[in-house]
C-alpha atoms as a PDB file:
ATOM      1  CA  MET A   1      89.599  89.173 100.314  1.00  0.00           C
ATOM      2  CA  THR A   2      88.783  92.187  97.461  1.00  0.00           C
ATOM      3  CA  LEU A   3      88.742  95.829  98.688  1.00  0.00           C
ATOM      4  CA  ASP A   4      85.078  95.815  98.374  1.00  0.00           C
ATOM      5  CA  VAL A   5      84.423  92.915  99.630  1.00  0.00           C
ATOM      6  CA  ARG A   6      86.015  94.046 103.214  1.00  0.00           C
ATOM      7  CA  LEU A   7      84.341  97.231 102.427  1.00  0.00           C
ATOM      8  CA  ASN A   8      81.200  95.477 102.623  1.00  0.00           C
ATOM      9  CA  ARG A   9      82.240  93.635 105.597  1.00  0.00           C
ATOM     10  CA  ILE A  10      82.766  96.853 107.209  1.00  0.00           C
ATOM     11  CA  ILE A  11      79.369  98.299 106.263  1.00  0.00           C
ATOM     12  CA  SER A  12      77.607  95.297 107.243  1.00  0.00           C
ATOM     13  CA  GLU A  13      79.434  94.365 110.501  1.00  0.00           C
ATOM     14  CA  GLN A  14      79.061  97.995 111.649  1.00  0.00           C
ATOM     15  CA  HIS A  15      74.740  97.566 110.627  1.00  0.00           C
ATOM     16  CA  ILE A  16      74.963 101.003 108.629  1.00  0.00           C
ATOM     17  CA  SER A  17      73.997 102.201 105.237  1.00  0.00           C
ATOM     18  CA  LYS A  18      76.719 103.193 102.579  1.00  0.00           C
ATOM     19  CA  ARG A  19      75.015 106.578 102.739  1.00  0.00           C
ATOM     20  CA  GLU A  20      76.102 106.691 107.077  1.00  0.00           C
ATOM     21  CA  PHE A  21      79.753 104.968 105.885  1.00  0.00           C
ATOM     22  CA  ALA A  22      80.351 107.523 103.611  1.00  0.00           C
ATOM     23  CA  LYS A  23      79.078 110.299 105.367  1.00  0.00           C
ATOM     24  CA  ARG A  24      81.517 109.392 108.781  1.00  0.00           C
ATOM     25  CA  VAL A  25      84.902 109.192 106.465  1.00  0.00           C
ATOM     26  CA  GLY A  26      84.300 111.949 104.500  1.00  0.00           C
ATOM     27  CA  ILE A  27      83.846 110.641 101.026  1.00  0.00           C
ATOM     28  CA  SER A  28      80.901 110.802  98.924  1.00  0.00           C
ATOM     29  CA  GLU A  29      78.308 108.076  97.790  1.00  0.00           C
ATOM     30  CA  ASN A  30      79.327 107.749  94.373  1.00  0.00           C
ATOM     31  CA  TYR A  31      83.158 106.946  95.274  1.00  0.00           C
ATOM     32  CA  LEU A  32      81.563 104.832  98.035  1.00  0.00           C
ATOM     33  CA  TYR A  33      79.359 102.503  95.384  1.00  0.00           C
ATOM     34  CA  ILE A  34      82.402 102.717  92.884  1.00  0.00           C
ATOM     35  CA  LEU A  35      84.412 101.150  96.037  1.00  0.00           C
ATOM     36  CA  THR A  36      82.216  98.670  96.939  1.00  0.00           C
ATOM     37  CA  GLY A  37      80.126  97.591  94.076  1.00  0.00           C
ATOM     38  CA  ASN A  38      79.916  96.129  90.730  1.00  0.00           C
ATOM     39  CA  SER A  39      80.221  98.938  88.622  1.00  0.00           C
ATOM     40  CA  ARG A  40      82.568  96.658  85.671  1.00  0.00           C
ATOM     41  CA  GLN A  41      83.442  92.947  85.495  1.00  0.00           C
ATOM     42  CA  GLY A  42      87.332  92.160  86.170  1.00  0.00           C
ATOM     43  CA  THR A  43      87.601  95.817  88.189  1.00  0.00           C
ATOM     44  CA  SER A  44      87.432  95.175  91.544  1.00  0.00           C
ATOM     45  CA  LYS A  45      91.423  94.333  91.780  1.00  0.00           C
ATOM     46  CA  ASN A  46      91.472  98.184  90.090  1.00  0.00           C
ATOM     47  CA  LYS A  47      89.851  99.626  93.701  1.00  0.00           C
ATOM     48  CA  THR A  48      92.327 100.701  95.472  1.00  0.00           C
ATOM     49  CA  ILE A  49      92.300 103.913  98.638  1.00  0.00           C
ATOM     50  CA  SER A  50      95.444 105.191  99.668  1.00  0.00           C
ATOM     51  CA  PRO A  51      96.789 104.775 103.144  1.00  0.00           C
ATOM     52  CA  ALA A  52      95.204 108.087 104.789  1.00  0.00           C
ATOM     53  CA  LEU A  53      91.983 106.583 103.707  1.00  0.00           C
ATOM     54  CA  ALA A  54      92.256 103.459 105.389  1.00  0.00           C
ATOM     55  CA  LYS A  55      93.685 104.837 108.948  1.00  0.00           C
ATOM     56  CA  LEU A  56      90.685 106.857 109.099  1.00  0.00           C
ATOM     57  CA  ILE A  57      88.332 104.312 108.139  1.00  0.00           C
ATOM     58  CA  GLY A  58      90.283 101.708 110.607  1.00  0.00           C
ATOM     59  CA  LEU A  59      89.880 104.580 113.190  1.00  0.00           C
ATOM     60  CA  GLU A  60      86.085 105.530 112.687  1.00  0.00           C
ATOM     61  CA  PHE A  61      85.175 102.405 112.982  1.00  0.00           C
ATOM     62  CA  GLY A  62      87.712 100.043 114.626  1.00  0.00           C
ATOM     63  CA  TYR A  63      89.661  98.316 111.753  1.00  0.00           C
ATOM     64  CA  ASP A  64      93.211  97.603 111.038  1.00  0.00           C
ATOM     65  CA  PRO A  65      93.937 100.159 108.308  1.00  0.00           C
ATOM     66  CA  GLN A  66      96.746  97.484 107.087  1.00  0.00           C
ATOM     67  CA  TRP A  67      93.584  94.628 106.658  1.00  0.00           C
ATOM     68  CA  ILE A  68      91.553  97.480 104.829  1.00  0.00           C
ATOM     69  CA  LEU A  69      94.282  98.461 102.395  1.00  0.00           C
ATOM     70  CA  ASN A  70      95.886  94.560 101.465  1.00  0.00           C
ATOM     71  CA  GLY A  71      93.885  92.363 103.235  1.00  0.00           C
ATOM     72  CA  ASP A  72      96.562  91.607 106.209  1.00  0.00           C
ATOM     73  CA  SER A  73      97.313  92.569 109.362  1.00  0.00           C
ATOM     74  CA  GLU A  74     100.661  93.749 111.003  1.00  0.00           C
END
């Protein structure tokens, strides 16, 4: 599961908009759309976020930061 799929899953499971997600974790909507959208074919494998952002998302929404970063849990 790629990062874009994991982030979209969090947004869907939380029943919030991408705008709300971006606001709650302090990132721009544009950055979130780059991370979660189909910006360019073949680029999803190159999308990454920092461990600090993964931790923030995990704390805000109750997900394991390792899963957010890598698709696996500790």
